[in-house]
PDB file of all heavy atoms in Angstrom:
ATOM      1  N   ARG A   1     -19.901-135.345-180.198  1.00  0.00           N
ATOM      2  CA  ARG A   1     -20.572-136.052-179.120  1.00  0.00           C
ATOM      3  C   ARG A   1     -21.179-135.046-178.126  1.00  0.00           C
ATOM      4  O   ARG A   1     -20.510-134.650-177.176  1.00  0.00           O
ATOM      5  CB  ARG A   1     -19.626-137.018-178.403  1.00  0.00           C
ATOM      6  CG  ARG A   1     -20.244-137.954-177.377  1.00  0.00           C
ATOM      7  CD  ARG A   1     -19.206-138.917-176.856  1.00  0.00           C
ATOM      8  NE  ARG A   1     -18.739-139.868-177.819  1.00  0.00           N
ATOM      9  CZ  ARG A   1     -17.758-140.773-177.641  1.00  0.00           C
ATOM     10  NH1 ARG A   1     -17.166-140.782-176.434  1.00  0.00           N
ATOM     11  NH2 ARG A   1     -17.426-141.585-178.574  1.00  0.00           N
ATOM     12  N   PRO A   2     -22.406-134.649-178.340  1.00  0.00           N
ATOM     13  CA  PRO A   2     -22.993-133.557-177.515  1.00  0.00           C
ATOM     14  C   PRO A   2     -23.060-133.816-176.019  1.00  0.00           C
ATOM     15  O   PRO A   2     -23.269-132.916-175.266  1.00  0.00           O
ATOM     16  CB  PRO A   2     -24.355-133.420-178.130  1.00  0.00           C
ATOM     17  CG  PRO A   2     -24.236-133.905-179.514  1.00  0.00           C
ATOM     18  CD  PRO A   2     -23.285-135.051-179.442  1.00  0.00           C
ATOM     19  N   SER A   3     -22.943-135.069-175.622  1.00  0.00           N
ATOM     20  CA  SER A   3     -23.024-135.381-174.203  1.00  0.00           C
ATOM     21  C   SER A   3     -21.741-134.929-173.430  1.00  0.00           C
ATOM     22  O   SER A   3     -21.747-134.893-172.215  1.00  0.00           O
ATOM     23  CB  SER A   3     -23.204-136.912-173.975  1.00  0.00           C
ATOM     24  OG  SER A   3     -22.140-137.631-174.523  1.00  0.00           O
ATOM     25  N   LEU A   4     -20.659-134.637-174.206  1.00  0.00           N
ATOM     26  CA  LEU A   4     -19.434-134.198-173.569  1.00  0.00           C
ATOM     27  C   LEU A   4     -19.604-132.803-172.966  1.00  0.00           C
ATOM     28  O   LEU A   4     -20.363-131.962-173.451  1.00  0.00           O
ATOM     29  CB  LEU A   4     -18.297-134.197-174.528  1.00  0.00           C
ATOM     30  CG  LEU A   4     -17.843-135.500-175.121  1.00  0.00           C
ATOM     31  CD1 LEU A   4     -16.882-135.301-176.284  1.00  0.00           C
ATOM     32  CD2 LEU A   4     -17.233-136.389-174.035  1.00  0.00           C
ATOM     33  N   ARG A   5     -18.919-132.541-171.880  1.00  0.00           N
ATOM     34  CA  ARG A   5     -18.954-131.248-171.218  1.00  0.00           C
ATOM     35  C   ARG A   5     -17.564-130.714-171.030  1.00  0.00           C
ATOM     36  O   ARG A   5     -17.053-130.504-169.951  1.00  0.00           O
ATOM     37  CB  ARG A   5     -19.660-131.316-169.867  1.00  0.00           C
ATOM     38  CG  ARG A   5     -21.154-131.646-169.944  1.00  0.00           C
ATOM     39  CD  ARG A   5     -21.961-130.476-170.591  1.00  0.00           C
ATOM     40  NE  ARG A   5     -23.318-130.760-170.649  1.00  0.00           N
ATOM     41  CZ  ARG A   5     -23.938-131.323-171.741  1.00  0.00           C
ATOM     42  NH1 ARG A   5     -23.223-131.660-172.811  1.00  0.00           N
ATOM     43  NH2 ARG A   5     -25.250-131.497-171.689  1.00  0.00           N
ATOM     44  N   LEU A   6     -16.796-130.610-172.123  1.00  0.00           N
ATOM     45  CA  LEU A   6     -15.359-130.276-172.072  1.00  0.00           C
ATOM     46  C   LEU A   6     -15.084-128.812-171.834  1.00  0.00           C
ATOM     47  O   LEU A   6     -14.241-128.454-171.039  1.00  0.00           O
ATOM     48  CB  LEU A   6     -14.669-130.765-173.361  1.00  0.00           C
ATOM     49  CG  LEU A   6     -14.729-132.264-173.668  1.00  0.00           C
ATOM     50  CD1 LEU A   6     -14.225-132.569-175.043  1.00  0.00           C
ATOM     51  CD2 LEU A   6     -13.938-133.043-172.607  1.00  0.00           C
ATOM     52  N   THR A   7     -15.799-127.958-172.530  1.00  0.00           N
ATOM     53  CA  THR A   7     -15.492-126.508-172.456  1.00  0.00           C
ATOM     54  C   THR A   7     -15.908-125.924-171.079  1.00  0.00           C
ATOM     55  O   THR A   7     -15.290-124.884-170.695  1.00  0.00           O
ATOM     56  CB  THR A   7     -16.273-125.729-173.549  1.00  0.00           C
ATOM     57  OG1 THR A   7     -17.657-126.014-173.475  1.00  0.00           O
ATOM     58  CG2 THR A   7     -15.786-126.121-174.892  1.00  0.00           C
ATOM     59  N   GLU A   8     -16.800-126.582-170.372  1.00  0.00           N
ATOM     60  CA  GLU A   8     -17.182-126.048-169.072  1.00  0.00           C
ATOM     61  C   GLU A   8     -16.042-126.032-168.052  1.00  0.00           C
ATOM     62  O   GLU A   8     -16.081-125.320-167.076  1.00  0.00           O
ATOM     63  CB  GLU A   8     -18.378-126.857-168.510  1.00  0.00           C
ATOM     64  CG  GLU A   8     -19.650-126.754-169.286  1.00  0.00           C
ATOM     65  CD  GLU A   8     -20.714-127.681-168.741  1.00  0.00           C
ATOM     66  OE1 GLU A   8     -20.452-128.399-167.781  1.00  0.00           O
ATOM     67  OE2 GLU A   8     -21.851-127.702-169.260  1.00  0.00           O
ATOM     68  N   GLN A   9     -15.050-126.875-168.310  1.00  0.00           N
ATOM     69  CA  GLN A   9     -13.889-126.974-167.415  1.00  0.00           C
ATOM     70  C   GLN A   9     -12.895-125.817-167.563  1.00  0.00           C
ATOM     71  O   GLN A   9     -11.956-125.716-166.772  1.00  0.00           O
ATOM     72  CB  GLN A   9     -13.144-128.253-167.672  1.00  0.00           C
ATOM     73  CG  GLN A   9     -14.063-129.533-167.513  1.00  0.00           C
ATOM     74  CD  GLN A   9     -13.316-130.801-167.904  1.00  0.00           C
ATOM     75  OE1 GLN A   9     -12.143-130.984-167.533  1.00  0.00           O
ATOM     76  NE2 GLN A   9     -13.983-131.636-168.701  1.00  0.00           N
ATOM     77  N   PHE A  10     -13.112-124.954-168.589  1.00  0.00           N
ATOM     78  CA  PHE A  10     -12.115-123.901-168.892  1.00  0.00           C
ATOM     79  C   PHE A  10     -12.796-122.515-169.013  1.00  0.00           C
ATOM     80  O   PHE A  10     -12.906-121.951-170.109  1.00  0.00           O
ATOM     81  CB  PHE A  10     -11.402-124.258-170.149  1.00  0.00           C
ATOM     82  CG  PHE A  10     -10.680-125.554-170.131  1.00  0.00           C
ATOM     83  CD1 PHE A  10     -11.284-126.719-170.618  1.00  0.00           C
ATOM     84  CD2 PHE A  10      -9.440-125.695-169.523  1.00  0.00           C
ATOM     85  CE1 PHE A  10     -10.611-127.936-170.515  1.00  0.00           C
ATOM     86  CE2 PHE A  10      -8.764-126.919-169.406  1.00  0.00           C
ATOM     87  CZ  PHE A  10      -9.389-128.019-169.902  1.00  0.00           C
ATOM     88  N   PRO A  11     -13.308-122.017-167.878  1.00  0.00           N
ATOM     89  CA  PRO A  11     -13.980-120.708-167.961  1.00  0.00           C
ATOM     90  C   PRO A  11     -13.080-119.529-168.121  1.00  0.00           C
ATOM     91  O   PRO A  11     -13.443-118.426-168.573  1.00  0.00           O
ATOM     92  CB  PRO A  11     -14.675-120.654-166.542  1.00  0.00           C
ATOM     93  CG  PRO A  11     -13.818-121.498-165.653  1.00  0.00           C
ATOM     94  CD  PRO A  11     -13.347-122.595-166.505  1.00  0.00           C
ATOM     95  N   LEU A  12     -11.746-119.721-167.777  1.00  0.00           N
ATOM     96  CA  LEU A  12     -10.827-118.586-167.817  1.00  0.00           C
ATOM     97  C   LEU A  12      -9.713-118.846-168.821  1.00  0.00           C
ATOM     98  O   LEU A  12      -9.448-117.947-169.654  1.00  0.00           O
ATOM     99  CB  LEU A  12     -10.249-118.298-166.427  1.00  0.00           C
ATOM    100  CG  LEU A  12     -11.238-117.885-165.327  1.00  0.00           C
ATOM    101  CD1 LEU A  12     -10.506-117.768-163.986  1.00  0.00           C
ATOM    102  CD2 LEU A  12     -11.899-116.608-165.695  1.00  0.00           C
ATOM    103  N   THR A  13      -8.993-119.926-168.724  1.00  0.00           N
ATOM    104  CA  THR A  13      -7.918-120.218-169.627  1.00  0.00           C
ATOM    105  C   THR A  13      -8.026-121.632-170.211  1.00  0.00           C
ATOM    106  O   THR A  13      -8.628-122.514-169.517  1.00  0.00           O
ATOM    107  CB  THR A  13      -6.546-120.102-168.918  1.00  0.00           C
ATOM    108  OG1 THR A  13      -6.498-121.058-167.838  1.00  0.00           O
ATOM    109  CG2 THR A  13      -6.335-118.681-168.406  1.00  0.00           C
ATOM    110  N   ALA A  14      -7.511-121.848-171.391  1.00  0.00           N
ATOM    111  CA  ALA A  14      -7.495-123.159-171.985  1.00  0.00           C
ATOM    112  C   ALA A  14      -6.126-123.515-172.575  1.00  0.00           C
ATOM    113  O   ALA A  14      -5.849-123.187-173.695  1.00  0.00           O
ATOM    114  CB  ALA A  14      -8.533-123.216-173.114  1.00  0.00           C
ATOM    115  N   ILE A  15      -5.228-123.920-171.646  1.00  0.00           N
ATOM    116  CA  ILE A  15      -3.906-124.283-172.015  1.00  0.00           C
ATOM    117  C   ILE A  15      -3.897-125.657-172.670  1.00  0.00           C
ATOM    118  O   ILE A  15      -4.542-126.543-172.159  1.00  0.00           O
ATOM    119  CB  ILE A  15      -2.955-124.285-170.794  1.00  0.00           C
ATOM    120  CG1 ILE A  15      -3.019-122.970-170.082  1.00  0.00           C
ATOM    121  CG2 ILE A  15      -1.504-124.598-171.202  1.00  0.00           C
ATOM    122  CD1 ILE A  15      -2.660-121.741-170.926  1.00  0.00           C
ATOM    123  N   PRO A  16      -3.233-125.828-173.878  1.00  0.00           N
ATOM    124  CA  PRO A  16      -3.340-127.082-174.617  1.00  0.00           C
ATOM    125  C   PRO A  16      -3.026-128.330-173.718  1.00  0.00           C
ATOM    126  O   PRO A  16      -3.699-129.305-173.850  1.00  0.00           O
ATOM    127  CB  PRO A  16      -2.205-126.911-175.665  1.00  0.00           C
ATOM    128  CG  PRO A  16      -2.261-125.443-175.996  1.00  0.00           C
ATOM    129  CD  PRO A  16      -2.503-124.792-174.636  1.00  0.00           C
ATOM    130  N   THR A  17      -2.012-128.299-172.883  1.00  0.00           N
ATOM    131  CA  THR A  17      -1.734-129.477-172.047  1.00  0.00           C
ATOM    132  C   THR A  17      -2.909-129.805-171.136  1.00  0.00           C
ATOM    133  O   THR A  17      -3.211-130.997-170.939  1.00  0.00           O
ATOM    134  CB  THR A  17      -0.466-129.209-171.192  1.00  0.00           C
ATOM    135  OG1 THR A  17      -0.589-127.987-170.521  1.00  0.00           O
ATOM    136  CG2 THR A  17       0.755-129.168-172.042  1.00  0.00           C
ATOM    137  N   ASP A  18      -3.591-128.817-170.614  1.00  0.00           N
ATOM    138  CA  ASP A  18      -4.767-129.019-169.758  1.00  0.00           C
ATOM    139  C   ASP A  18      -5.913-129.596-170.552  1.00  0.00           C
ATOM    140  O   ASP A  18      -6.691-130.450-170.045  1.00  0.00           O
ATOM    141  CB  ASP A  18      -5.158-127.772-169.064  1.00  0.00           C
ATOM    142  CG  ASP A  18      -4.169-127.283-168.052  1.00  0.00           C
ATOM    143  OD1 ASP A  18      -3.348-128.129-167.576  1.00  0.00           O
ATOM    144  OD2 ASP A  18      -4.094-126.091-167.735  1.00  0.00           O
ATOM    145  N   THR A  19      -6.110-129.106-171.797  1.00  0.00           N
ATOM    146  CA  THR A  19      -7.247-129.587-172.573  1.00  0.00           C
ATOM    147  C   THR A  19      -7.013-131.029-172.999  1.00  0.00           C
ATOM    148  O   THR A  19      -7.909-131.865-173.075  1.00  0.00           O
ATOM    149  CB  THR A  19      -7.475-128.696-173.800  1.00  0.00           C
ATOM    150  OG1 THR A  19      -6.316-128.673-174.640  1.00  0.00           O
ATOM    151  CG2 THR A  19      -7.842-127.246-173.431  1.00  0.00           C
ATOM    152  N   VAL A  20      -5.745-131.395-173.289  1.00  0.00           N
ATOM    153  CA  VAL A  20      -5.421-132.831-173.592  1.00  0.00           C
ATOM    154  C   VAL A  20      -5.767-133.683-172.379  1.00  0.00           C
ATOM    155  O   VAL A  20      -6.306-134.720-172.552  1.00  0.00           O
ATOM    156  CB  VAL A  20      -3.937-132.894-173.992  1.00  0.00           C
ATOM    157  CG1 VAL A  20      -3.516-134.425-174.059  1.00  0.00           C
ATOM    158  CG2 VAL A  20      -3.634-132.242-175.309  1.00  0.00           C
ATOM    159  N   LYS A  21      -5.397-133.225-171.203  1.00  0.00           N
ATOM    160  CA  LYS A  21      -5.767-133.992-170.000  1.00  0.00           C
ATOM    161  C   LYS A  21      -7.281-134.141-169.843  1.00  0.00           C
ATOM    162  O   LYS A  21      -7.778-135.177-169.489  1.00  0.00           O
ATOM    163  CB  LYS A  21      -5.189-133.308-168.779  1.00  0.00           C
ATOM    164  CG  LYS A  21      -5.401-134.060-167.446  1.00  0.00           C
ATOM    165  CD  LYS A  21      -4.760-133.347-166.312  1.00  0.00           C
ATOM    166  CE  LYS A  21      -4.900-134.123-164.997  1.00  0.00           C
ATOM    167  NZ  LYS A  21      -6.259-134.368-164.618  1.00  0.00           N
ATOM    168  N   ALA A  22      -8.027-133.083-170.179  1.00  0.00           N
ATOM    169  CA  ALA A  22      -9.489-133.125-170.061  1.00  0.00           C
ATOM    170  C   ALA A  22     -10.046-134.160-171.050  1.00  0.00           C
ATOM    171  O   ALA A  22     -11.002-134.863-170.697  1.00  0.00           O
ATOM    172  CB  ALA A  22     -10.071-131.759-170.340  1.00  0.00           C
ATOM    173  N   VAL A  23      -9.503-134.238-172.228  1.00  0.00           N
ATOM    174  CA  VAL A  23      -9.956-135.218-173.245  1.00  0.00           C
ATOM    175  C   VAL A  23      -9.640-136.639-172.754  1.00  0.00           C
ATOM    176  O   VAL A  23     -10.472-137.549-172.902  1.00  0.00           O
ATOM    177  CB  VAL A  23      -9.267-134.928-174.574  1.00  0.00           C
ATOM    178  CG1 VAL A  23      -9.540-136.066-175.560  1.00  0.00           C
ATOM    179  CG2 VAL A  23      -9.808-133.660-175.196  1.00  0.00           C
ATOM    180  N   LYS A  24      -8.458-136.845-172.160  1.00  0.00           N
ATOM    181  CA  LYS A  24      -8.129-138.163-171.628  1.00  0.00           C
ATOM    182  C   LYS A  24      -9.048-138.471-170.456  1.00  0.00           C
ATOM    183  O   LYS A  24      -9.560-139.613-170.369  1.00  0.00           O
ATOM    184  CB  LYS A  24      -6.666-138.153-171.156  1.00  0.00           C
ATOM    185  CG  LYS A  24      -5.666-138.045-172.305  1.00  0.00           C
ATOM    186  CD  LYS A  24      -4.235-137.865-171.749  1.00  0.00           C
ATOM    187  CE  LYS A  24      -3.755-139.130-171.057  1.00  0.00           C
ATOM    188  NZ  LYS A  24      -2.344-138.992-170.638  1.00  0.00           N
ATOM    189  N   ASP A  25      -9.284-137.528-169.541  1.00  0.00           N
ATOM    190  CA  ASP A  25     -10.141-137.804-168.398  1.00  0.00           C
ATOM    191  C   ASP A  25     -11.568-138.121-168.779  1.00  0.00           C
ATOM    192  O   ASP A  25     -12.320-138.809-168.038  1.00  0.00           O
ATOM    193  CB  ASP A  25     -10.108-136.602-167.422  1.00  0.00           C
ATOM    194  CG  ASP A  25      -8.804-136.427-166.724  1.00  0.00           C
ATOM    195  OD1 ASP A  25      -7.970-137.349-166.766  1.00  0.00           O
ATOM    196  OD2 ASP A  25      -8.524-135.376-166.150  1.00  0.00           O
ATOM    197  N   ALA A  26     -12.032-137.605-169.975  1.00  0.00           N
ATOM    198  CA  ALA A  26     -13.345-137.875-170.416  1.00  0.00           C
ATOM    199  C   ALA A  26     -13.509-139.250-171.064  1.00  0.00           C
ATOM    200  O   ALA A  26     -14.584-139.609-171.492  1.00  0.00           O
ATOM    201  CB  ALA A  26     -13.746-136.794-171.460  1.00  0.00           C
ATOM    202  N   GLY A  27     -12.427-139.988-171.042  1.00  0.00           N
ATOM    203  CA  GLY A  27     -12.457-141.321-171.620  1.00  0.00           C
ATOM    204  C   GLY A  27     -12.479-141.461-173.130  1.00  0.00           C
ATOM    205  O   GLY A  27     -12.886-142.415-173.689  1.00  0.00           O
ATOM    206  N   LEU A  28     -11.969-140.418-173.794  1.00  0.00           N
ATOM    207  CA  LEU A  28     -12.034-140.370-175.252  1.00  0.00           C
ATOM    208  C   LEU A  28     -10.797-141.045-175.938  1.00  0.00           C
ATOM    209  O   LEU A  28     -10.860-141.376-177.113  1.00  0.00           O
ATOM    210  CB  LEU A  28     -12.121-138.910-175.766  1.00  0.00           C
ATOM    211  CG  LEU A  28     -13.459-138.208-175.586  1.00  0.00           C
ATOM    212  CD1 LEU A  28     -13.311-136.702-175.806  1.00  0.00           C
ATOM    213  CD2 LEU A  28     -14.428-138.793-176.634  1.00  0.00           C
ATOM    214  N   VAL A  29      -9.705-141.207-175.222  1.00  0.00           N
ATOM    215  CA  VAL A  29      -8.485-141.666-175.796  1.00  0.00           C
ATOM    216  C   VAL A  29      -8.374-143.173-175.726  1.00  0.00           C
ATOM    217  O   VAL A  29      -8.543-143.774-174.659  1.00  0.00           O
ATOM    218  CB  VAL A  29      -7.246-141.078-175.086  1.00  0.00           C
ATOM    219  CG1 VAL A  29      -5.952-141.601-175.684  1.00  0.00           C
ATOM    220  CG2 VAL A  29      -7.274-139.520-175.241  1.00  0.00           C
ATOM    221  N   GLU A  30      -8.119-143.806-176.860  1.00  0.00           N
ATOM    222  CA  GLU A  30      -7.934-145.260-176.897  1.00  0.00           C
ATOM    223  C   GLU A  30      -6.535-145.714-177.198  1.00  0.00           C
ATOM    224  O   GLU A  30      -6.181-146.848-176.966  1.00  0.00           O
ATOM    225  CB  GLU A  30      -8.944-145.909-177.863  1.00  0.00           C
ATOM    226  CG  GLU A  30      -8.774-145.469-179.273  1.00  0.00           C
ATOM    227  CD  GLU A  30      -9.770-146.216-180.203  1.00  0.00           C
ATOM    228  OE1 GLU A  30     -10.876-146.518-179.781  1.00  0.00           O
ATOM    229  OE2 GLU A  30      -9.433-146.413-181.409  1.00  0.00           O
ATOM    230  N   ARG A  31      -5.714-144.778-177.706  1.00  0.00           N
ATOM    231  CA  ARG A  31      -4.316-145.146-178.021  1.00  0.00           C
ATOM    232  C   ARG A  31      -3.518-143.871-178.138  1.00  0.00           C
ATOM    233  O   ARG A  31      -4.027-142.864-178.625  1.00  0.00           O
ATOM    234  CB  ARG A  31      -4.227-145.972-179.298  1.00  0.00           C
ATOM    235  CG  ARG A  31      -2.913-146.756-179.433  1.00  0.00           C
ATOM    236  CD  ARG A  31      -2.819-147.490-180.747  1.00  0.00           C
ATOM    237  NE  ARG A  31      -2.516-146.628-181.816  1.00  0.00           N
ATOM    238  CZ  ARG A  31      -2.882-146.854-183.114  1.00  0.00           C
ATOM    239  NH1 ARG A  31      -3.573-147.896-183.385  1.00  0.00           N
ATOM    240  NH2 ARG A  31      -2.502-146.049-184.089  1.00  0.00           N
ATOM    241  N   ILE A  32      -2.219-143.917-177.783  1.00  0.00           N
ATOM    242  CA  ILE A  32      -1.327-142.776-177.877  1.00  0.00           C
ATOM    243  C   ILE A  32      -0.068-143.232-178.662  1.00  0.00           C
ATOM    244  O   ILE A  32       0.562-144.225-178.354  1.00  0.00           O
ATOM    245  CB  ILE A  32      -0.879-142.260-176.501  1.00  0.00           C
ATOM    246  CG1 ILE A  32      -2.135-141.902-175.659  1.00  0.00           C
ATOM    247  CG2 ILE A  32       0.016-141.019-176.672  1.00  0.00           C
ATOM    248  CD1 ILE A  32      -1.755-141.487-174.235  1.00  0.00           C
ATOM    249  N   ASP A  33       0.276-142.462-179.711  1.00  0.00           N
ATOM    250  CA  ASP A  33       1.485-142.651-180.501  1.00  0.00           C
ATOM    251  C   ASP A  33       2.354-141.443-180.433  1.00  0.00           C
ATOM    252  O   ASP A  33       1.876-140.339-180.332  1.00  0.00           O
ATOM    253  CB  ASP A  33       1.146-142.931-181.984  1.00  0.00           C
ATOM    254  CG  ASP A  33       0.361-144.279-182.092  1.00  0.00           C
ATOM    255  OD1 ASP A  33       0.759-145.261-181.500  1.00  0.00           O
ATOM    256  OD2 ASP A  33      -0.639-144.235-182.870  1.00  0.00           O
ATOM    257  N   TYR A  34       3.645-141.696-180.427  1.00  0.00           N
ATOM    258  CA  TYR A  34       4.641-140.583-180.322  1.00  0.00           C
ATOM    259  C   TYR A  34       5.480-140.462-181.572  1.00  0.00           C
ATOM    260  O   TYR A  34       5.958-141.443-182.121  1.00  0.00           O
ATOM    261  CB  TYR A  34       5.565-140.841-179.118  1.00  0.00           C
ATOM    262  CG  TYR A  34       6.773-139.941-178.987  1.00  0.00           C
ATOM    263  CD1 TYR A  34       6.633-138.612-178.765  1.00  0.00           C
ATOM    264  CD2 TYR A  34       8.075-140.509-179.112  1.00  0.00           C
ATOM    265  CE1 TYR A  34       7.750-137.762-178.657  1.00  0.00           C
ATOM    266  CE2 TYR A  34       9.193-139.723-179.054  1.00  0.00           C
ATOM    267  CZ  TYR A  34       9.012-138.357-178.788  1.00  0.00           C
ATOM    268  OH  TYR A  34      10.134-137.513-178.700  1.00  0.00           O
ATOM    269  N   ARG A  35       5.596-139.227-182.084  1.00  0.00           N
ATOM    270  CA  ARG A  35       6.443-138.920-183.234  1.00  0.00           C
ATOM    271  C   ARG A  35       7.499-137.948-182.809  1.00  0.00           C
ATOM    272  O   ARG A  35       7.200-136.791-182.589  1.00  0.00           O
ATOM    273  CB  ARG A  35       5.644-138.347-184.390  1.00  0.00           C
ATOM    274  CG  ARG A  35       4.728-139.317-185.122  1.00  0.00           C
ATOM    275  CD  ARG A  35       4.006-138.580-186.231  1.00  0.00           C
ATOM    276  NE  ARG A  35       2.981-139.386-186.901  1.00  0.00           N
ATOM    277  CZ  ARG A  35       3.188-140.160-187.978  1.00  0.00           C
ATOM    278  NH1 ARG A  35       4.431-140.119-188.553  1.00  0.00           N
ATOM    279  NH2 ARG A  35       2.245-140.826-188.570  1.00  0.00           N
ATOM    280  N   PRO A  36       8.815-138.364-182.684  1.00  0.00           N
ATOM    281  CA  PRO A  36       9.858-137.450-182.312  1.00  0.00           C
ATOM    282  C   PRO A  36      10.142-136.467-183.407  1.00  0.00           C
ATOM    283  O   PRO A  36       9.905-136.695-184.600  1.00  0.00           O
ATOM    284  CB  PRO A  36      11.031-138.361-182.032  1.00  0.00           C
ATOM    285  CG  PRO A  36      10.771-139.566-182.927  1.00  0.00           C
ATOM    286  CD  PRO A  36       9.295-139.736-182.914  1.00  0.00           C
ATOM    287  N   SER A  37      10.732-135.318-183.027  1.00  0.00           N
ATOM    288  CA  SER A  37      11.107-134.302-184.039  1.00  0.00           C
ATOM    289  C   SER A  37      12.281-134.790-184.810  1.00  0.00           C
ATOM    290  O   SER A  37      12.970-135.820-184.431  1.00  0.00           O
ATOM    291  CB  SER A  37      11.442-133.013-183.322  1.00  0.00           C
ATOM    292  OG  SER A  37      12.653-133.147-182.544  1.00  0.00           O
ATOM    293  N   ARG A  38      12.600-134.220-185.945  1.00  0.00           N
ATOM    294  CA  ARG A  38      13.741-134.565-186.740  1.00  0.00           C
ATOM    295  C   ARG A  38      15.030-134.428-185.952  1.00  0.00           C
ATOM    296  O   ARG A  38      15.899-135.290-186.020  1.00  0.00           O
ATOM    297  CB  ARG A  38      13.854-133.695-187.971  1.00  0.00           C
ATOM    298  CG  ARG A  38      13.134-134.049-189.193  1.00  0.00           C
ATOM    299  CD  ARG A  38      13.408-135.435-189.746  1.00  0.00           C
ATOM    300  NE  ARG A  38      12.491-135.681-190.810  1.00  0.00           N
ATOM    301  CZ  ARG A  38      11.910-136.796-191.075  1.00  0.00           C
ATOM    302  NH1 ARG A  38      12.119-137.827-190.307  1.00  0.00           N
ATOM    303  NH2 ARG A  38      11.032-136.982-192.061  1.00  0.00           N
ATOM    304  N   GLU A  39      15.106-133.357-185.168  1.00  0.00           N
ATOM    305  CA  GLU A  39      16.287-133.118-184.364  1.00  0.00           C
ATOM    306  C   GLU A  39      16.470-134.248-183.364  1.00  0.00           C
ATOM    307  O   GLU A  39      17.593-134.764-183.158  1.00  0.00           O
ATOM    308  CB  GLU A  39      16.228-131.769-183.653  1.00  0.00           C
ATOM    309  CG  GLU A  39      17.397-131.457-182.811  1.00  0.00           C
ATOM    310  CD  GLU A  39      17.261-130.119-182.076  1.00  0.00           C
ATOM    311  OE1 GLU A  39      16.109-129.817-181.742  1.00  0.00           O
ATOM    312  OE2 GLU A  39      18.265-129.398-181.854  1.00  0.00           O
ATOM    313  N   ARG A  40      15.391-134.636-182.695  1.00  0.00           N
ATOM    314  CA  ARG A  40      15.497-135.671-181.676  1.00  0.00           C
ATOM    315  C   ARG A  40      15.880-137.022-182.321  1.00  0.00           C
ATOM    316  O   ARG A  40      16.680-137.814-181.773  1.00  0.00           O
ATOM    317  CB  ARG A  40      14.207-135.804-180.971  1.00  0.00           C
ATOM    318  CG  ARG A  40      14.319-136.634-179.643  1.00  0.00           C
ATOM    319  CD  ARG A  40      13.084-136.624-178.834  1.00  0.00           C
ATOM    320  NE  ARG A  40      12.670-135.265-178.462  1.00  0.00           N
ATOM    321  CZ  ARG A  40      13.149-134.692-177.322  1.00  0.00           C
ATOM    322  NH1 ARG A  40      14.003-135.338-176.554  1.00  0.00           N
ATOM    323  NH2 ARG A  40      12.751-133.522-177.019  1.00  0.00           N
ATOM    324  N   GLU A  41      15.408-137.287-183.542  1.00  0.00           N
ATOM    325  CA  GLU A  41      15.770-138.503-184.242  1.00  0.00           C
ATOM    326  C   GLU A  41      17.262-138.515-184.556  1.00  0.00           C
ATOM    327  O   GLU A  41      17.912-139.566-184.403  1.00  0.00           O
ATOM    328  CB  GLU A  41      14.906-138.588-185.520  1.00  0.00           C
ATOM    329  CG  GLU A  41      13.495-139.028-185.329  1.00  0.00           C
ATOM    330  CD  GLU A  41      12.830-139.274-186.691  1.00  0.00           C
ATOM    331  OE1 GLU A  41      13.338-138.724-187.702  1.00  0.00           O
ATOM    332  OE2 GLU A  41      11.828-139.975-186.686  1.00  0.00           O
ATOM    333  N   LEU A  42      17.790-137.368-185.077  1.00  0.00           N
ATOM    334  CA  LEU A  42      19.185-137.307-185.405  1.00  0.00           C
ATOM    335  C   LEU A  42      20.064-137.493-184.162  1.00  0.00           C
ATOM    336  O   LEU A  42      21.141-138.150-184.181  1.00  0.00           O
ATOM    337  CB  LEU A  42      19.456-136.031-186.088  1.00  0.00           C
ATOM    338  CG  LEU A  42      18.880-135.860-187.523  1.00  0.00           C
ATOM    339  CD1 LEU A  42      19.082-134.465-188.040  1.00  0.00           C
ATOM    340  CD2 LEU A  42      19.427-136.902-188.469  1.00  0.00           C
ATOM    341  N   LEU A  43      19.663-136.844-183.079  1.00  0.00           N
ATOM    342  CA  LEU A  43      20.413-136.952-181.811  1.00  0.00           C
ATOM    343  C   LEU A  43      20.446-138.414-181.318  1.00  0.00           C
ATOM    344  O   LEU A  43      21.455-138.899-180.791  1.00  0.00           O
ATOM    345  CB  LEU A  43      19.855-136.032-180.738  1.00  0.00           C
ATOM    346  CG  LEU A  43      20.099-134.553-181.004  1.00  0.00           C
ATOM    347  CD1 LEU A  43      19.338-133.712-179.932  1.00  0.00           C
ATOM    348  CD2 LEU A  43      21.555-134.178-180.976  1.00  0.00           C
TER     349      LEU A  43
END
């Protein structure tokens, strides 16, 4: 989607948590699903 301007927000660092937030703020996310780790499932 060329109209997006996502990379402009990260001139110095691009930490994954921040980029996920940028994608959400851009209105791209329509649903979120969670998959726990095996360890968390067992606990």
